[in-house]
Amino acid sequence: MGDYKKGLINPKDYPGENITEIPNWIINVTYPVTTEELIEKYGDDEVIDNEKETKSLSEILSRYPGRQFNSYNELMAAIYYSGETNYNI
C-alpha cells in the first residue's frame, strides 16, 4: 500500500480506499497548526480530495477559516472530506 509512516493514517482503517498519496510537505508540519499557517506555508501545493480531484491546499482549507488542526489525521480528514457537504469535521 505504499509507504506508511508510524503515527500517520493507517490504510487498514479505510478499507477500499487508496490513502497512499501522502504529500511530501505534510510530513514537515508541526502540530497544532492553524488553517492560516498552512495556507501561508503550503497554500500553492496540490492535494487530492475524496472525489480524486486535484486542488490547491489553500482552496481546500479555505472551507475551515480559523481552524486549528491538532494532528495529521485531523488535517488529512479535512482535506479528504473537503468536498462532502454533509460531513462536519
PDB file of N, CA and C in Angstrom:
ATOM      1  N   MET A   1       0.813  -1.202   0.000  1.00  0.00           N
ATOM      2  CA  MET A   1       0.000   0.000   0.000  1.00  0.00           C
ATOM      3  C   MET A   1       0.849   1.255   0.000  1.00  0.00           C
ATOM      4  N   GLY A   2       2.047   1.195  -0.452  1.00  0.00           N
ATOM      5  CA  GLY A   2       2.897   2.376  -0.458  1.00  0.00           C
ATOM      6  C   GLY A   2       3.581   2.559   0.882  1.00  0.00           C
ATOM      7  N   ASP A   3       4.255   3.670   1.018  1.00  0.00           N
ATOM      8  CA  ASP A   3       4.972   3.947   2.258  1.00  0.00           C
ATOM      9  C   ASP A   3       3.996   4.321   3.358  1.00  0.00           C
ATOM     10  N   TYR A   4       4.214   3.768   4.526  1.00  0.00           N
ATOM     11  CA  TYR A   4       3.366   4.070   5.682  1.00  0.00           C
ATOM     12  C   TYR A   4       4.270   4.468   6.831  1.00  0.00           C
ATOM     13  N   LYS A   5       4.126   5.664   7.315  1.00  0.00           N
ATOM     14  CA  LYS A   5       4.954   6.142   8.421  1.00  0.00           C
ATOM     15  C   LYS A   5       4.171   6.018   9.714  1.00  0.00           C
ATOM     16  N   LYS A   6       4.832   5.542  10.745  1.00  0.00           N
ATOM     17  CA  LYS A   6       4.179   5.350  12.036  1.00  0.00           C
ATOM     18  C   LYS A   6       3.579   6.674  12.522  1.00  0.00           C
ATOM     19  N   GLY A   7       2.355   6.602  13.005  1.00  0.00           N
ATOM     20  CA  GLY A   7       1.689   7.794  13.514  1.00  0.00           C
ATOM     21  C   GLY A   7       0.819   8.488  12.480  1.00  0.00           C
ATOM     22  N   LEU A   8       0.916   8.076  11.232  1.00  0.00           N
ATOM     23  CA  LEU A   8       0.091   8.680  10.199  1.00  0.00           C
ATOM     24  C   LEU A   8      -1.160   7.836  10.003  1.00  0.00           C
ATOM     25  N   ILE A   9      -2.001   8.225   9.082  1.00  0.00           N
ATOM     26  CA  ILE A   9      -3.223   7.463   8.828  1.00  0.00           C
ATOM     27  C   ILE A   9      -2.860   6.026   8.500  1.00  0.00           C
ATOM     28  N   ASN A  10      -3.534   5.114   9.134  1.00  0.00           N
ATOM     29  CA  ASN A  10      -3.325   3.699   8.867  1.00  0.00           C
ATOM     30  C   ASN A  10      -4.286   3.276   7.758  1.00  0.00           C
ATOM     31  N   PRO A  11      -3.755   2.865   6.597  1.00  0.00           N
ATOM     32  CA  PRO A  11      -4.632   2.485   5.486  1.00  0.00           C
ATOM     33  C   PRO A  11      -5.620   1.380   5.846  1.00  0.00           C
ATOM     34  N   LYS A  12      -5.315   0.564   6.838  1.00  0.00           N
ATOM     35  CA  LYS A  12      -6.224  -0.513   7.240  1.00  0.00           C
ATOM     36  C   LYS A  12      -7.510   0.045   7.850  1.00  0.00           C
ATOM     37  N   ASP A  13      -7.467   1.292   8.328  1.00  0.00           N
ATOM     38  CA  ASP A  13      -8.659   1.920   8.892  1.00  0.00           C
ATOM     39  C   ASP A  13      -9.647   2.353   7.809  1.00  0.00           C
ATOM     40  N   TYR A  14      -9.215   2.335   6.573  1.00  0.00           N
ATOM     41  CA  TYR A  14     -10.039   2.799   5.462  1.00  0.00           C
ATOM     42  C   TYR A  14     -10.096   1.729   4.376  1.00  0.00           C
ATOM     43  N   PRO A  15     -10.754   0.608   4.646  1.00  0.00           N
ATOM     44  CA  PRO A  15     -10.793  -0.465   3.652  1.00  0.00           C
ATOM     45  C   PRO A  15     -11.424   0.007   2.347  1.00  0.00           C
ATOM     46  N   GLY A  16     -10.795  -0.366   1.267  1.00  0.00           N
ATOM     47  CA  GLY A  16     -11.309   0.016  -0.042  1.00  0.00           C
ATOM     48  C   GLY A  16     -10.843   1.377  -0.506  1.00  0.00           C
ATOM     49  N   GLU A  17     -10.225   2.137   0.366  1.00  0.00           N
ATOM     50  CA  GLU A  17      -9.738   3.463  -0.016  1.00  0.00           C
ATOM     51  C   GLU A  17      -8.242   3.381  -0.294  1.00  0.00           C
ATOM     52  N   ASN A  18      -7.773   4.193  -1.200  1.00  0.00           N
ATOM     53  CA  ASN A  18      -6.352   4.229  -1.520  1.00  0.00           C
ATOM     54  C   ASN A  18      -5.749   5.485  -0.898  1.00  0.00           C
ATOM     55  N   ILE A  19      -5.250   5.358   0.313  1.00  0.00           N
ATOM     56  CA  ILE A  19      -4.648   6.505   1.001  1.00  0.00           C
ATOM     57  C   ILE A  19      -3.139   6.288   1.027  1.00  0.00           C
ATOM     58  N   THR A  20      -2.541   6.332  -0.159  1.00  0.00           N
ATOM     59  CA  THR A  20      -1.100   6.128  -0.242  1.00  0.00           C
ATOM     60  C   THR A  20      -0.393   7.367  -0.753  1.00  0.00           C
ATOM     61  N   GLU A  21      -1.144   8.322  -1.285  1.00  0.00           N
ATOM     62  CA  GLU A  21      -0.522   9.508  -1.836  1.00  0.00           C
ATOM     63  C   GLU A  21      -0.419  10.578  -0.759  1.00  0.00           C
ATOM     64  N   ILE A  22       0.654  10.523   0.009  1.00  0.00           N
ATOM     65  CA  ILE A  22       0.879  11.490   1.078  1.00  0.00           C
ATOM     66  C   ILE A  22       1.777  12.592   0.533  1.00  0.00           C
ATOM     67  N   PRO A  23       1.295  13.828   0.509  1.00  0.00           N
ATOM     68  CA  PRO A  23       2.135  14.918   0.002  1.00  0.00           C
ATOM     69  C   PRO A  23       3.400  15.066   0.841  1.00  0.00           C
ATOM     70  N   ASN A  24       4.517  15.345   0.180  1.00  0.00           N
ATOM     71  CA  ASN A  24       5.797  15.477   0.882  1.00  0.00           C
ATOM     72  C   ASN A  24       5.770  16.573   1.935  1.00  0.00           C
ATOM     73  N   TRP A  25       5.087  17.683   1.657  1.00  0.00           N
ATOM     74  CA  TRP A  25       5.106  18.811   2.581  1.00  0.00           C
ATOM     75  C   TRP A  25       4.467  18.475   3.917  1.00  0.00           C
ATOM     76  N   ILE A  26       3.508  17.570   3.915  1.00  0.00           N
ATOM     77  CA  ILE A  26       2.727  17.323   5.128  1.00  0.00           C
ATOM     78  C   ILE A  26       3.554  16.693   6.238  1.00  0.00           C
ATOM     79  N   ILE A  27       4.637  16.050   5.871  1.00  0.00           N
ATOM     80  CA  ILE A  27       5.485  15.406   6.870  1.00  0.00           C
ATOM     81  C   ILE A  27       6.215  16.465   7.705  1.00  0.00           C
ATOM     82  N   ASN A  28       6.383  17.668   7.148  1.00  0.00           N
ATOM     83  CA  ASN A  28       7.109  18.735   7.840  1.00  0.00           C
ATOM     84  C   ASN A  28       6.225  19.595   8.736  1.00  0.00           C
ATOM     85  N   VAL A  29       4.928  19.362   8.739  1.00  0.00           N
ATOM     86  CA  VAL A  29       4.003  20.177   9.531  1.00  0.00           C
ATOM     87  C   VAL A  29       4.155  19.848  11.013  1.00  0.00           C
ATOM     88  N   THR A  30       4.221  20.891  11.839  1.00  0.00           N
ATOM     89  CA  THR A  30       4.276  20.730  13.289  1.00  0.00           C
ATOM     90  C   THR A  30       2.905  21.080  13.855  1.00  0.00           C
ATOM     91  N   TYR A  31       2.375  20.211  14.681  1.00  0.00           N
ATOM     92  CA  TYR A  31       1.030  20.392  15.248  1.00  0.00           C
ATOM     93  C   TYR A  31       1.125  20.897  16.673  1.00  0.00           C
ATOM     94  N   PRO A  32       0.155  21.687  17.138  1.00  0.00           N
ATOM     95  CA  PRO A  32      -1.027  22.155  16.411  1.00  0.00           C
ATOM     96  C   PRO A  32      -0.660  23.216  15.375  1.00  0.00           C
ATOM     97  N   VAL A  33      -1.493  23.331  14.335  1.00  0.00           N
ATOM     98  CA  VAL A  33      -1.274  24.298  13.266  1.00  0.00           C
ATOM     99  C   VAL A  33      -2.632  24.841  12.829  1.00  0.00           C
ATOM    100  N   THR A  34      -2.658  26.114  12.450  1.00  0.00           N
ATOM    101  CA  THR A  34      -3.922  26.722  12.033  1.00  0.00           C
ATOM    102  C   THR A  34      -4.059  26.700  10.515  1.00  0.00           C
ATOM    103  N   THR A  35      -5.281  26.891  10.074  1.00  0.00           N
ATOM    104  CA  THR A  35      -5.559  26.975   8.640  1.00  0.00           C
ATOM    105  C   THR A  35      -4.683  28.038   7.996  1.00  0.00           C
ATOM    106  N   GLU A  36      -4.604  29.195   8.627  1.00  0.00           N
ATOM    107  CA  GLU A  36      -3.863  30.314   8.061  1.00  0.00           C
ATOM    108  C   GLU A  36      -2.370  30.004   7.944  1.00  0.00           C
ATOM    109  N   GLU A  37      -1.794  29.326   8.943  1.00  0.00           N
ATOM    110  CA  GLU A  37      -0.377  28.951   8.875  1.00  0.00           C
ATOM    111  C   GLU A  37      -0.118  27.982   7.727  1.00  0.00           C
ATOM    112  N   LEU A  38      -1.011  27.031   7.558  1.00  0.00           N
ATOM    113  CA  LEU A  38      -0.858  26.059   6.473  1.00  0.00           C
ATOM    114  C   LEU A  38      -0.962  26.731   5.110  1.00  0.00           C
ATOM    115  N   ILE A  39      -1.928  27.628   4.957  1.00  0.00           N
ATOM    116  CA  ILE A  39      -2.098  28.311   3.676  1.00  0.00           C
ATOM    117  C   ILE A  39      -0.886  29.180   3.374  1.00  0.00           C
ATOM    118  N   GLU A  40      -0.363  29.862   4.391  1.00  0.00           N
ATOM    119  CA  GLU A  40       0.798  30.725   4.194  1.00  0.00           C
ATOM    120  C   GLU A  40       2.014  29.927   3.729  1.00  0.00           C
ATOM    121  N   LYS A  41       2.254  28.776   4.344  1.00  0.00           N
ATOM    122  CA  LYS A  41       3.446  27.982   4.024  1.00  0.00           C
ATOM    123  C   LYS A  41       3.265  27.067   2.817  1.00  0.00           C
ATOM    124  N   TYR A  42       2.083  26.468   2.682  1.00  0.00           N
ATOM    125  CA  TYR A  42       1.907  25.403   1.691  1.00  0.00           C
ATOM    126  C   TYR A  42       0.687  25.599   0.795  1.00  0.00           C
ATOM    127  N   GLY A  43       0.117  26.778   0.763  1.00  0.00           N
ATOM    128  CA  GLY A  43      -1.140  27.018   0.058  1.00  0.00           C
ATOM    129  C   GLY A  43      -1.143  26.668  -1.414  1.00  0.00           C
ATOM    130  N   ASP A  44       0.007  26.791  -2.085  1.00  0.00           N
ATOM    131  CA  ASP A  44       0.062  26.500  -3.517  1.00  0.00           C
ATOM    132  C   ASP A  44       0.243  25.022  -3.814  1.00  0.00           C
ATOM    133  N   ASP A  45       0.552  24.220  -2.807  1.00  0.00           N
ATOM    134  CA  ASP A  45       0.752  22.789  -3.026  1.00  0.00           C
ATOM    135  C   ASP A  45      -0.573  22.133  -3.389  1.00  0.00           C
ATOM    136  N   GLU A  46      -0.481  21.114  -4.216  1.00  0.00           N
ATOM    137  CA  GLU A  46      -1.690  20.434  -4.656  1.00  0.00           C
ATOM    138  C   GLU A  46      -1.978  19.217  -3.795  1.00  0.00           C
ATOM    139  N   VAL A  47      -3.250  18.970  -3.563  1.00  0.00           N
ATOM    140  CA  VAL A  47      -3.693  17.793  -2.819  1.00  0.00           C
ATOM    141  C   VAL A  47      -4.870  17.176  -3.576  1.00  0.00           C
ATOM    142  N   ILE A  48      -5.184  15.932  -3.240  1.00  0.00           N
ATOM    143  CA  ILE A  48      -6.275  15.221  -3.897  1.00  0.00           C
ATOM    144  C   ILE A  48      -7.377  14.989  -2.880  1.00  0.00           C
ATOM    145  N   ASP A  49      -8.610  15.374  -3.229  1.00  0.00           N
ATOM    146  CA  ASP A  49      -9.724  15.188  -2.303  1.00  0.00           C
ATOM    147  C   ASP A  49     -10.396  13.836  -2.544  1.00  0.00           C
ATOM    148  N   ASN A  50     -11.493  13.594  -1.848  1.00  0.00           N
ATOM    149  CA  ASN A  50     -12.151  12.289  -1.929  1.00  0.00           C
ATOM    150  C   ASN A  50     -12.801  12.014  -3.276  1.00  0.00           C
ATOM    151  N   GLU A  51     -12.947  13.027  -4.088  1.00  0.00           N
ATOM    152  CA  GLU A  51     -13.503  12.831  -5.423  1.00  0.00           C
ATOM    153  C   GLU A  51     -12.393  12.716  -6.458  1.00  0.00           C
ATOM    154  N   LYS A  52     -11.173  12.501  -5.973  1.00  0.00           N
ATOM    155  CA  LYS A  52      -9.980  12.329  -6.808  1.00  0.00           C
ATOM    156  C   LYS A  52      -9.698  13.562  -7.653  1.00  0.00           C
ATOM    157  N   GLU A  53     -10.118  14.723  -7.168  1.00  0.00           N
ATOM    158  CA  GLU A  53      -9.835  15.972  -7.852  1.00  0.00           C
ATOM    159  C   GLU A  53      -8.611  16.621  -7.222  1.00  0.00           C
ATOM    160  N   THR A  54      -7.750  17.163  -8.062  1.00  0.00           N
ATOM    161  CA  THR A  54      -6.566  17.853  -7.576  1.00  0.00           C
ATOM    162  C   THR A  54      -6.915  19.318  -7.369  1.00  0.00           C
ATOM    163  N   LYS A  55      -6.637  19.805  -6.164  1.00  0.00           N
ATOM    164  CA  LYS A  55      -6.921  21.193  -5.822  1.00  0.00           C
ATOM    165  C   LYS A  55      -5.734  21.741  -5.039  1.00  0.00           C
ATOM    166  N   SER A  56      -5.651  23.066  -4.962  1.00  0.00           N
ATOM    167  CA  SER A  56      -4.607  23.652  -4.126  1.00  0.00           C
ATOM    168  C   SER A  56      -5.024  23.528  -2.666  1.00  0.00           C
ATOM    169  N   LEU A  57      -4.036  23.434  -1.802  1.00  0.00           N
ATOM    170  CA  LEU A  57      -4.328  23.320  -0.375  1.00  0.00           C
ATOM    171  C   LEU A  57      -5.111  24.535   0.110  1.00  0.00           C
ATOM    172  N   SER A  58      -4.772  25.719  -0.395  1.00  0.00           N
ATOM    173  CA  SER A  58      -5.489  26.921   0.046  1.00  0.00           C
ATOM    174  C   SER A  58      -6.963  26.869  -0.352  1.00  0.00           C
ATOM    175  N   GLU A  59      -7.266  26.296  -1.520  1.00  0.00           N
ATOM    176  CA  GLU A  59      -8.662  26.169  -1.953  1.00  0.00           C
ATOM    177  C   GLU A  59      -9.442  25.255  -1.014  1.00  0.00           C
ATOM    178  N   ILE A  60      -8.831  24.157  -0.610  1.00  0.00           N
ATOM    179  CA  ILE A  60      -9.496  23.208   0.282  1.00  0.00           C
ATOM    180  C   ILE A  60      -9.624  23.770   1.690  1.00  0.00           C
ATOM    181  N   LEU A  61      -8.541  24.324   2.230  1.00  0.00           N
ATOM    182  CA  LEU A  61      -8.564  24.782   3.619  1.00  0.00           C
ATOM    183  C   LEU A  61      -9.356  26.068   3.813  1.00  0.00           C
ATOM    184  N   SER A  62      -9.670  26.768   2.732  1.00  0.00           N
ATOM    185  CA  SER A  62     -10.474  27.986   2.873  1.00  0.00           C
ATOM    186  C   SER A  62     -11.870  27.664   3.411  1.00  0.00           C
ATOM    187  N   ARG A  63     -12.245  26.392   3.393  1.00  0.00           N
ATOM    188  CA  ARG A  63     -13.530  25.972   3.975  1.00  0.00           C
ATOM    189  C   ARG A  63     -13.470  25.914   5.502  1.00  0.00           C
ATOM    190  N   TYR A  64     -12.276  26.014   6.062  1.00  0.00           N
ATOM    191  CA  TYR A  64     -12.097  25.884   7.514  1.00  0.00           C
ATOM    192  C   TYR A  64     -11.391  27.113   8.087  1.00  0.00           C
ATOM    193  N   PRO A  65     -11.942  28.319   7.924  1.00  0.00           N
ATOM    194  CA  PRO A  65     -11.255  29.518   8.429  1.00  0.00           C
ATOM    195  C   PRO A  65     -11.103  29.489   9.947  1.00  0.00           C
ATOM    196  N   GLY A  66      -9.909  29.846  10.416  1.00  0.00           N
ATOM    197  CA  GLY A  66      -9.654  29.910  11.852  1.00  0.00           C
ATOM    198  C   GLY A  66      -9.543  28.565  12.536  1.00  0.00           C
ATOM    199  N   ARG A  67      -9.531  27.496  11.786  1.00  0.00           N
ATOM    200  CA  ARG A  67      -9.495  26.140  12.355  1.00  0.00           C
ATOM    201  C   ARG A  67      -8.086  25.785  12.814  1.00  0.00           C
ATOM    202  N   GLN A  68      -7.994  25.106  13.935  1.00  0.00           N
ATOM    203  CA  GLN A  68      -6.714  24.576  14.408  1.00  0.00           C
ATOM    204  C   GLN A  68      -6.739  23.065  14.240  1.00  0.00           C
ATOM    205  N   PHE A  69      -5.717  22.538  13.596  1.00  0.00           N
ATOM    206  CA  PHE A  69      -5.586  21.099  13.410  1.00  0.00           C
ATOM    207  C   PHE A  69      -4.567  20.591  14.421  1.00  0.00           C
ATOM    208  N   ASN A  70      -4.962  19.589  15.194  1.00  0.00           N
ATOM    209  CA  ASN A  70      -4.107  19.094  16.268  1.00  0.00           C
ATOM    210  C   ASN A  70      -3.336  17.836  15.914  1.00  0.00           C
ATOM    211  N   SER A  71      -3.622  17.252  14.761  1.00  0.00           N
ATOM    212  CA  SER A  71      -2.921  16.022  14.382  1.00  0.00           C
ATOM    213  C   SER A  71      -2.948  15.843  12.871  1.00  0.00           C
ATOM    214  N   TYR A  72      -2.079  14.994  12.411  1.00  0.00           N
ATOM    215  CA  TYR A  72      -2.033  14.636  10.999  1.00  0.00           C
ATOM    216  C   TYR A  72      -3.377  14.062  10.549  1.00  0.00           C
ATOM    217  N   ASN A  73      -3.925  13.162  11.346  1.00  0.00           N
ATOM    218  CA  ASN A  73      -5.188  12.522  10.967  1.00  0.00           C
ATOM    219  C   ASN A  73      -6.314  13.545  10.823  1.00  0.00           C
ATOM    220  N   GLU A  74      -6.348  14.515  11.713  1.00  0.00           N
ATOM    221  CA  GLU A  74      -7.381  15.551  11.654  1.00  0.00           C
ATOM    222  C   GLU A  74      -7.247  16.383  10.374  1.00  0.00           C
ATOM    223  N   LEU A  75      -6.021  16.742  10.031  1.00  0.00           N
ATOM    224  CA  LEU A  75      -5.779  17.519   8.816  1.00  0.00           C
ATOM    225  C   LEU A  75      -6.112  16.704   7.572  1.00  0.00           C
ATOM    226  N   MET A  76      -5.697  15.448   7.546  1.00  0.00           N
ATOM    227  CA  MET A  76      -5.978  14.597   6.386  1.00  0.00           C
ATOM    228  C   MET A  76      -7.481  14.377   6.206  1.00  0.00           C
ATOM    229  N   ALA A  77      -8.207  14.236   7.303  1.00  0.00           N
ATOM    230  CA  ALA A  77      -9.660  14.080   7.211  1.00  0.00           C
ATOM    231  C   ALA A  77     -10.285  15.338   6.610  1.00  0.00           C
ATOM    232  N   ALA A  78      -9.803  16.506   7.022  1.00  0.00           N
ATOM    233  CA  ALA A  78     -10.329  17.763   6.491  1.00  0.00           C
ATOM    234  C   ALA A  78     -10.069  17.871   4.993  1.00  0.00           C
ATOM    235  N   ILE A  79      -8.877  17.464   4.561  1.00  0.00           N
ATOM    236  CA  ILE A  79      -8.544  17.510   3.137  1.00  0.00           C
ATOM    237  C   ILE A  79      -9.373  16.490   2.368  1.00  0.00           C
ATOM    238  N   TYR A  80      -9.400  15.281   2.873  1.00  0.00           N
ATOM    239  CA  TYR A  80     -10.065  14.194   2.156  1.00  0.00           C
ATOM    240  C   TYR A  80     -11.563  14.433   2.011  1.00  0.00           C
ATOM    241  N   TYR A  81     -12.192  14.908   3.069  1.00  0.00           N
ATOM    242  CA  TYR A  81     -13.641  15.102   3.049  1.00  0.00           C
ATOM    243  C   TYR A  81     -14.056  16.524   2.691  1.00  0.00           C
ATOM    244  N   SER A  82     -13.157  17.320   2.139  1.00  0.00           N
ATOM    245  CA  SER A  82     -13.463  18.723   1.866  1.00  0.00           C
ATOM    246  C   SER A  82     -14.595  18.908   0.866  1.00  0.00           C
ATOM    247  N   GLY A  83     -14.834  17.937   0.016  1.00  0.00           N
ATOM    248  CA  GLY A  83     -15.902  18.057  -0.968  1.00  0.00           C
ATOM    249  C   GLY A  83     -17.250  17.593  -0.456  1.00  0.00           C
ATOM    250  N   GLU A  84     -17.274  17.029   0.743  1.00  0.00           N
ATOM    251  CA  GLU A  84     -18.522  16.496   1.300  1.00  0.00           C
ATOM    252  C   GLU A  84     -19.316  17.615   1.962  1.00  0.00           C
ATOM    253  N   THR A  85     -20.538  17.814   1.532  1.00  0.00           N
ATOM    254  CA  THR A  85     -21.358  18.859   2.146  1.00  0.00           C
ATOM    255  C   THR A  85     -22.012  18.372   3.431  1.00  0.00           C
ATOM    256  N   ASN A  86     -22.162  17.068   3.587  1.00  0.00           N
ATOM    257  CA  ASN A  86     -22.822  16.523   4.775  1.00  0.00           C
ATOM    258  C   ASN A  86     -21.839  16.030   5.827  1.00  0.00           C
ATOM    259  N   TYR A  87     -20.555  16.267   5.623  1.00  0.00           N
ATOM    260  CA  TYR A  87     -19.549  15.783   6.564  1.00  0.00           C
ATOM    261  C   TYR A  87     -19.032  16.957   7.367  1.00  0.00           C
ATOM    262  N   ASN A  88     -19.263  16.961   8.654  1.00  0.00           N
ATOM    263  CA  ASN A  88     -18.843  18.065   9.511  1.00  0.00           C
ATOM    264  C   ASN A  88     -17.634  17.634  10.320  1.00  0.00           C
ATOM    265  N   ILE A  89     -16.491  18.166   9.981  1.00  0.00           N
ATOM    266  CA  ILE A  89     -15.245  17.770  10.653  1.00  0.00           C
ATOM    267  C   ILE A  89     -15.034  18.631  11.879  1.00  0.00           C
TER     268      ILE A  89
END
